[in-house]
N, C-alpha and C. Protein backbone atom coordinates (compact mmCIF):
# COMPACT_ATOMS: atom_id res chain seq x y z
N UNK A 1 70.31 91.58 61.25
CA UNK A 1 68.94 91.39 61.75
C UNK A 1 68.02 92.25 60.92
N UNK A 2 66.98 91.69 60.35
CA UNK A 2 66.06 92.36 59.51
C UNK A 2 65.12 93.26 60.30
N UNK A 3 64.84 94.42 59.71
CA UNK A 3 63.90 95.32 60.34
C UNK A 3 62.49 94.90 59.97
N UNK A 4 61.58 95.22 60.87
CA UNK A 4 60.16 94.92 60.59
C UNK A 4 59.71 95.82 59.42
N UNK A 5 58.75 95.34 58.64
CA UNK A 5 58.27 96.21 57.53
C UNK A 5 57.57 97.44 58.13
N UNK A 6 57.76 98.52 57.45
CA UNK A 6 57.12 99.76 57.86
C UNK A 6 55.95 100.04 56.92
N UNK A 7 54.96 100.67 57.45
CA UNK A 7 53.80 101.03 56.66
C UNK A 7 52.87 101.85 57.51
N UNK A 8 51.72 102.22 56.99
CA UNK A 8 50.79 103.01 57.79
C UNK A 8 50.48 102.32 59.13
N UNK A 9 50.70 103.07 60.23
CA UNK A 9 50.40 102.59 61.51
C UNK A 9 51.53 101.76 62.13
N UNK A 10 52.61 101.47 61.38
CA UNK A 10 53.71 100.67 61.90
C UNK A 10 54.90 101.52 62.33
N UNK A 11 55.14 102.61 61.66
CA UNK A 11 56.25 103.47 62.03
C UNK A 11 55.79 104.55 62.98
N UNK A 12 56.59 104.84 64.01
CA UNK A 12 56.17 105.91 64.95
C UNK A 12 56.17 107.24 64.23
N UNK A 13 55.12 108.00 64.48
CA UNK A 13 55.00 109.32 63.83
C UNK A 13 55.88 110.30 64.55
N UNK A 14 56.61 111.12 63.80
CA UNK A 14 57.52 112.11 64.37
C UNK A 14 56.85 113.47 64.30
N UNK A 15 57.06 114.33 65.27
CA UNK A 15 56.39 115.61 65.30
C UNK A 15 57.00 116.65 64.42
N UNK A 16 58.16 116.43 63.79
CA UNK A 16 58.82 117.45 63.03
C UNK A 16 58.15 117.65 61.65
N UNK A 17 58.46 118.77 61.04
CA UNK A 17 57.79 119.15 59.81
C UNK A 17 58.10 118.19 58.67
N UNK A 18 59.35 117.68 58.59
CA UNK A 18 59.73 116.77 57.53
C UNK A 18 58.91 115.49 57.56
N UNK A 19 58.59 115.04 58.79
CA UNK A 19 57.84 113.79 58.89
C UNK A 19 56.32 114.03 58.82
N UNK A 20 55.91 115.26 58.80
CA UNK A 20 54.49 115.60 58.84
C UNK A 20 53.77 115.18 57.58
N UNK A 21 54.47 115.14 56.44
CA UNK A 21 53.79 114.72 55.21
C UNK A 21 52.82 115.76 54.68
N UNK A 22 52.09 115.36 53.67
CA UNK A 22 51.17 116.24 53.07
C UNK A 22 50.09 116.70 54.03
N UNK A 23 49.93 117.97 54.17
CA UNK A 23 48.86 118.51 55.02
C UNK A 23 49.11 118.29 56.48
N UNK A 24 50.28 117.89 56.93
CA UNK A 24 50.58 117.71 58.36
C UNK A 24 49.96 116.45 58.92
N UNK A 25 49.67 115.46 58.08
CA UNK A 25 49.05 114.26 58.57
C UNK A 25 49.83 113.57 59.68
N UNK A 26 51.16 113.48 59.50
CA UNK A 26 52.00 112.83 60.52
C UNK A 26 51.92 113.54 61.82
N UNK A 27 51.93 114.89 61.81
CA UNK A 27 51.83 115.70 63.02
C UNK A 27 50.50 115.48 63.70
N UNK A 28 49.44 115.40 62.92
CA UNK A 28 48.11 115.16 63.50
C UNK A 28 48.00 113.76 64.12
N UNK A 29 48.62 112.78 63.47
CA UNK A 29 48.58 111.43 64.02
C UNK A 29 49.40 111.37 65.32
N UNK A 30 50.54 112.05 65.33
CA UNK A 30 51.35 112.10 66.56
C UNK A 30 50.59 112.77 67.69
N UNK A 31 49.93 113.86 67.39
CA UNK A 31 49.13 114.58 68.41
C UNK A 31 47.99 113.69 68.96
N UNK A 32 47.34 112.99 68.05
CA UNK A 32 46.25 112.07 68.48
C UNK A 32 46.80 110.96 69.35
N UNK A 33 47.92 110.41 68.95
CA UNK A 33 48.55 109.36 69.74
C UNK A 33 48.92 109.89 71.15
N UNK A 34 49.47 111.07 71.19
CA UNK A 34 49.88 111.67 72.48
C UNK A 34 48.64 111.89 73.38
N UNK A 35 47.54 112.35 72.83
CA UNK A 35 46.30 112.54 73.59
C UNK A 35 45.80 111.22 74.15
N UNK A 36 45.78 110.21 73.30
CA UNK A 36 45.29 108.89 73.75
C UNK A 36 46.18 108.37 74.85
N UNK A 37 47.49 108.48 74.70
CA UNK A 37 48.45 107.98 75.67
C UNK A 37 48.26 108.69 76.99
N UNK A 38 48.14 110.03 76.97
CA UNK A 38 47.95 110.79 78.19
C UNK A 38 46.61 110.40 78.90
N UNK A 39 45.57 110.25 78.08
CA UNK A 39 44.28 109.86 78.66
C UNK A 39 44.39 108.48 79.31
N UNK A 40 45.05 107.53 78.65
CA UNK A 40 45.19 106.18 79.21
C UNK A 40 46.02 106.18 80.49
N UNK A 41 47.09 107.01 80.53
CA UNK A 41 47.89 107.09 81.71
C UNK A 41 47.14 107.71 82.86
N UNK A 42 46.35 108.72 82.57
CA UNK A 42 45.53 109.37 83.61
C UNK A 42 44.53 108.40 84.17
N UNK A 43 43.93 107.60 83.30
CA UNK A 43 43.00 106.57 83.75
C UNK A 43 43.69 105.55 84.65
N UNK A 44 44.91 105.18 84.24
CA UNK A 44 45.69 104.22 85.04
C UNK A 44 46.04 104.81 86.41
N UNK A 45 46.34 106.09 86.47
CA UNK A 45 46.68 106.75 87.75
C UNK A 45 45.43 106.69 88.64
N UNK A 46 44.25 106.96 88.08
CA UNK A 46 43.02 106.89 88.86
C UNK A 46 42.76 105.52 89.44
N UNK A 47 42.96 104.51 88.57
CA UNK A 47 42.73 103.14 89.04
C UNK A 47 43.72 102.76 90.15
N UNK A 48 45.00 103.08 89.94
CA UNK A 48 46.01 102.79 90.97
C UNK A 48 45.73 103.52 92.26
N UNK A 49 45.34 104.82 92.18
CA UNK A 49 45.06 105.60 93.37
C UNK A 49 43.90 104.98 94.12
N UNK A 50 42.88 104.51 93.42
CA UNK A 50 41.75 103.85 94.03
C UNK A 50 42.16 102.56 94.78
N UNK A 51 43.03 101.80 94.16
CA UNK A 51 43.50 100.57 94.77
C UNK A 51 44.34 100.85 95.98
N UNK A 52 45.10 101.94 95.91
CA UNK A 52 45.98 102.32 97.06
C UNK A 52 45.20 103.07 98.15
N UNK A 53 43.96 103.46 97.83
CA UNK A 53 43.19 104.25 98.80
C UNK A 53 43.77 105.65 99.00
N UNK A 54 44.26 106.24 97.94
CA UNK A 54 44.88 107.55 98.06
C UNK A 54 44.37 108.51 96.99
N UNK A 55 44.73 109.74 97.05
CA UNK A 55 44.34 110.81 96.10
C UNK A 55 45.43 110.88 95.03
N UNK A 56 45.09 110.49 93.83
CA UNK A 56 46.08 110.51 92.72
C UNK A 56 46.54 111.89 92.31
N UNK A 57 45.83 112.92 92.77
CA UNK A 57 46.25 114.28 92.46
C UNK A 57 47.29 114.79 93.49
N UNK A 58 47.27 114.23 94.67
CA UNK A 58 48.23 114.64 95.74
C UNK A 58 49.33 113.66 96.01
N UNK A 59 49.08 112.39 95.85
CA UNK A 59 50.09 111.37 96.13
C UNK A 59 50.76 111.00 94.79
N UNK A 60 52.07 111.18 94.69
CA UNK A 60 52.75 110.90 93.40
C UNK A 60 52.92 109.42 93.04
N UNK A 61 52.72 108.54 94.02
CA UNK A 61 52.97 107.13 93.75
C UNK A 61 52.20 106.54 92.59
N UNK A 62 50.87 106.76 92.51
CA UNK A 62 50.13 106.20 91.33
C UNK A 62 50.67 106.71 90.00
N UNK A 63 51.00 108.00 89.96
CA UNK A 63 51.50 108.58 88.68
C UNK A 63 52.88 107.99 88.35
N UNK A 64 53.74 107.80 89.37
CA UNK A 64 55.04 107.26 89.13
C UNK A 64 54.94 105.83 88.57
N UNK A 65 54.07 105.04 89.16
CA UNK A 65 53.97 103.65 88.70
C UNK A 65 53.36 103.60 87.28
N UNK A 66 52.32 104.40 87.03
CA UNK A 66 51.71 104.43 85.69
C UNK A 66 52.70 104.94 84.66
N UNK A 67 53.45 105.96 84.96
CA UNK A 67 54.43 106.49 84.00
C UNK A 67 55.57 105.51 83.79
N UNK A 68 55.98 104.84 84.86
CA UNK A 68 57.03 103.81 84.71
C UNK A 68 56.55 102.68 83.78
N UNK A 69 55.35 102.26 83.99
CA UNK A 69 54.77 101.19 83.14
C UNK A 69 54.69 101.63 81.70
N UNK A 70 54.27 102.89 81.46
CA UNK A 70 54.19 103.41 80.11
C UNK A 70 55.60 103.46 79.48
N UNK A 71 56.59 103.81 80.28
CA UNK A 71 57.98 103.86 79.75
C UNK A 71 58.47 102.47 79.40
N UNK A 72 58.13 101.48 80.21
CA UNK A 72 58.50 100.11 79.94
C UNK A 72 57.87 99.66 78.63
N UNK A 73 56.61 99.96 78.41
CA UNK A 73 55.94 99.57 77.16
C UNK A 73 56.56 100.28 75.98
N UNK A 74 56.89 101.53 76.16
CA UNK A 74 57.52 102.28 75.03
C UNK A 74 58.87 101.68 74.69
N UNK A 75 59.69 101.36 75.69
CA UNK A 75 60.99 100.74 75.44
C UNK A 75 60.81 99.37 74.78
N UNK A 76 59.84 98.60 75.22
CA UNK A 76 59.60 97.28 74.64
C UNK A 76 59.16 97.44 73.19
N UNK A 77 58.30 98.35 72.92
CA UNK A 77 57.85 98.56 71.51
C UNK A 77 59.02 98.99 70.64
N UNK A 78 59.90 99.87 71.18
CA UNK A 78 61.09 100.27 70.43
C UNK A 78 61.96 99.05 70.09
N UNK A 79 62.24 98.23 71.11
CA UNK A 79 63.02 97.00 70.82
C UNK A 79 62.34 96.13 69.80
N UNK A 80 61.07 95.91 69.92
CA UNK A 80 60.32 95.08 68.99
C UNK A 80 60.36 95.66 67.58
N UNK A 81 60.17 96.96 67.46
CA UNK A 81 60.17 97.60 66.13
C UNK A 81 61.53 97.51 65.48
N UNK A 82 62.57 97.48 66.27
CA UNK A 82 63.96 97.39 65.74
C UNK A 82 64.31 95.91 65.41
N UNK A 83 63.43 94.99 65.73
CA UNK A 83 63.67 93.60 65.36
C UNK A 83 64.26 92.76 66.42
N UNK A 84 64.33 93.25 67.68
CA UNK A 84 64.86 92.40 68.76
C UNK A 84 64.00 91.16 68.91
N UNK A 85 64.61 90.01 68.84
CA UNK A 85 63.86 88.78 68.93
C UNK A 85 63.06 88.51 67.69
N UNK A 86 63.46 89.08 66.56
CA UNK A 86 62.73 88.97 65.31
C UNK A 86 62.59 87.51 64.89
N UNK A 87 61.38 87.12 64.56
CA UNK A 87 61.13 85.77 64.02
C UNK A 87 59.86 85.82 63.25
N UNK A 88 59.38 84.69 62.78
CA UNK A 88 58.24 84.63 61.91
C UNK A 88 56.91 84.84 62.62
N UNK A 89 56.91 85.00 63.95
CA UNK A 89 55.65 85.05 64.68
C UNK A 89 55.03 86.46 64.63
N UNK A 90 55.70 87.44 64.10
CA UNK A 90 55.13 88.81 63.98
C UNK A 90 54.83 89.41 65.31
N UNK A 91 53.60 89.90 65.46
CA UNK A 91 53.19 90.62 66.68
C UNK A 91 53.29 89.73 67.92
N UNK A 92 53.17 88.43 67.78
CA UNK A 92 53.21 87.54 68.91
C UNK A 92 54.50 87.66 69.68
N UNK A 93 55.62 88.02 68.99
CA UNK A 93 56.89 88.07 69.70
C UNK A 93 57.06 89.37 70.48
N UNK A 94 56.07 90.21 70.50
CA UNK A 94 56.12 91.44 71.33
C UNK A 94 56.16 91.12 72.79
N UNK A 95 55.61 89.99 73.19
CA UNK A 95 55.60 89.60 74.61
C UNK A 95 57.00 89.48 75.19
N UNK A 96 57.95 88.99 74.43
CA UNK A 96 59.32 88.81 74.92
C UNK A 96 59.97 90.14 75.30
N UNK A 97 60.00 91.15 74.41
CA UNK A 97 60.57 92.41 74.80
C UNK A 97 59.84 93.09 75.97
N UNK A 98 58.52 92.93 76.03
CA UNK A 98 57.77 93.53 77.13
C UNK A 98 58.23 92.88 78.45
N UNK A 99 58.34 91.58 78.45
CA UNK A 99 58.78 90.85 79.66
C UNK A 99 60.17 91.26 80.07
N UNK A 100 61.10 91.34 79.06
CA UNK A 100 62.47 91.78 79.40
C UNK A 100 62.52 93.19 79.90
N UNK A 101 61.67 94.10 79.36
CA UNK A 101 61.67 95.47 79.84
C UNK A 101 61.11 95.57 81.26
N UNK A 102 60.07 94.87 81.57
CA UNK A 102 59.50 94.85 82.95
C UNK A 102 60.55 94.22 83.89
N UNK A 103 61.21 93.18 83.46
CA UNK A 103 62.22 92.55 84.31
C UNK A 103 63.35 93.55 84.59
N UNK A 104 63.73 94.35 83.64
CA UNK A 104 64.75 95.35 83.83
C UNK A 104 64.33 96.38 84.85
N UNK A 105 63.09 96.82 84.75
CA UNK A 105 62.58 97.84 85.70
C UNK A 105 62.49 97.26 87.09
N UNK A 106 61.89 96.08 87.24
CA UNK A 106 61.71 95.51 88.58
C UNK A 106 63.07 95.09 89.16
N UNK A 107 63.98 94.65 88.32
CA UNK A 107 65.31 94.32 88.82
C UNK A 107 66.03 95.54 89.40
N UNK A 108 65.92 96.64 88.64
CA UNK A 108 66.53 97.88 89.14
C UNK A 108 65.90 98.34 90.44
N UNK A 109 64.57 98.24 90.50
CA UNK A 109 63.85 98.67 91.72
C UNK A 109 64.22 97.76 92.91
N UNK A 110 64.33 96.48 92.67
CA UNK A 110 64.69 95.54 93.74
C UNK A 110 66.13 95.82 94.23
N UNK A 111 67.06 96.08 93.26
CA UNK A 111 68.43 96.39 93.65
C UNK A 111 68.51 97.67 94.47
N UNK A 112 67.75 98.68 94.05
CA UNK A 112 67.75 99.97 94.77
C UNK A 112 67.14 99.79 96.16
N UNK A 113 66.10 99.00 96.30
CA UNK A 113 65.47 98.74 97.60
C UNK A 113 66.46 98.01 98.51
N UNK A 114 67.16 97.02 97.94
CA UNK A 114 68.08 96.25 98.77
C UNK A 114 69.23 97.13 99.26
N UNK A 115 69.74 98.00 98.39
CA UNK A 115 70.79 98.93 98.78
C UNK A 115 70.31 99.90 99.86
N UNK A 116 69.13 100.36 99.71
CA UNK A 116 68.55 101.32 100.68
C UNK A 116 68.37 100.63 102.04
N UNK A 117 67.89 99.42 102.03
CA UNK A 117 67.72 98.63 103.28
C UNK A 117 69.05 98.34 103.91
N UNK A 118 70.03 97.99 103.12
CA UNK A 118 71.37 97.66 103.67
C UNK A 118 72.04 98.94 104.28
N UNK A 119 71.75 100.09 103.71
CA UNK A 119 72.32 101.32 104.24
C UNK A 119 71.73 101.79 105.53
N UNK A 120 70.52 101.27 105.87
CA UNK A 120 69.82 101.73 107.08
C UNK A 120 70.27 101.00 108.27
């Protein structure tokens, strides 16, 4: 299975010194990405808390859901970057790993809920 081409903006930036490159550019890019991701997740927590009618700072549910969704997207991007479902469609084939990753999460949650209900 062929790997996707790597280039600026395509390979995940690593925080270690070897990956930092000249002048620490890789480390700066990784830090910027981390800040953007944290900001987006905090915004998602606020939106979810509002929809649930709860305080996102006190109720862990909005943060758990937002963080789980971020983890699903990270896993899907990792699969996509490694060429899972690789074909000529390029970025368009990202939808398949995202769907599979969300199915994995919801399937696990449904199984856990069913087991919990059966035990009661």
